[in-house]
Amino acid sequence: MPKSLLQQTLDSLGSAIVAGRLPAGHVVPTQDLEADFGVSRSVMKEAVRVLHTLGMVSSVKRVGVRVLPSTAWNYFDPLVMRWRLESDGYPAQLRSLNELRGAIEPAAAELAARYAPDALCSRLLSLAAEMRAVVRAQDIERFIEIDVDFHNVVLVASGNEMFAQLRSAVGNTVSGRSDLGLLPNLPDEESLQLHVSLADAIQGRRPEEARAVANQLVGAIFSETAEAWASEPRIFGGDVR
């Protein structure tokens, strides 16, 4: 489905901020933005409103908008994640997503083995089996969909509603590394077996094993992609008082 004019404008502005073409501290009149992007005042007003909610801009009375530093951004918002993954600075975003996943997913897997309802346990086993089938069929697009679903179900199955809300972050990690060509098109047998073993440990109510397998799974992915961000600077900032 074609993007609306608002979506196009929002993507253009967000991408420009992430890429530094609109640098932090830069103040620009709203009228100039309207002219530069060829959109109406109402469209630009709504785009700026969304960027404001993301912590990317602030209003300057009777002037326009000021671009805020990256430490103010809502890094968990799917739009911010996508713009960062689509920018030249994608390695830093992918590293942060992988580190978040490495911290959260093993804990979620352990909780899932303790508390997940039977229906979600069965769903994980079904997804793991389907994953193997689509790999045999060489269907990369379907594999990515299943892989995202599998890891999202692990988060939901933990019974922790805050873990569950990290689904976008984990989904971007799973799909982003493939989109950026950082992994082979399809997983090897070892990776497939780890997914099966994780589903089996959760279904079998073996929490320590589920955590260990999840650690192994995310650790393997991390080591395979770490070279992409090895020299990428880290982001330090924010109010820690």
Foldseek 3Di string as FASTA:
>chain_A
DDDDLLVVLLLVVLLCDLQCVQDAFHFAALVVSCVVSVHDSVSSVVSVVVCVVQQQWDADPPGHIGGHDPVRGPLLDLSNLVSCLPYPNNLQSLLVLLVVCLVQLLLLLLLLLAAFDLVLLVVLLVLLVVLVVVVVVVPLVVNLVSVLVNSLSSQVSSVDVVSNSSSSSNSCNSVSCVVVVLDPSGDDPVLSVLSNQLSCSSNVSPSVSNSVSSNVNSVVVCVSRVVVCVPPDHDDDDDPD
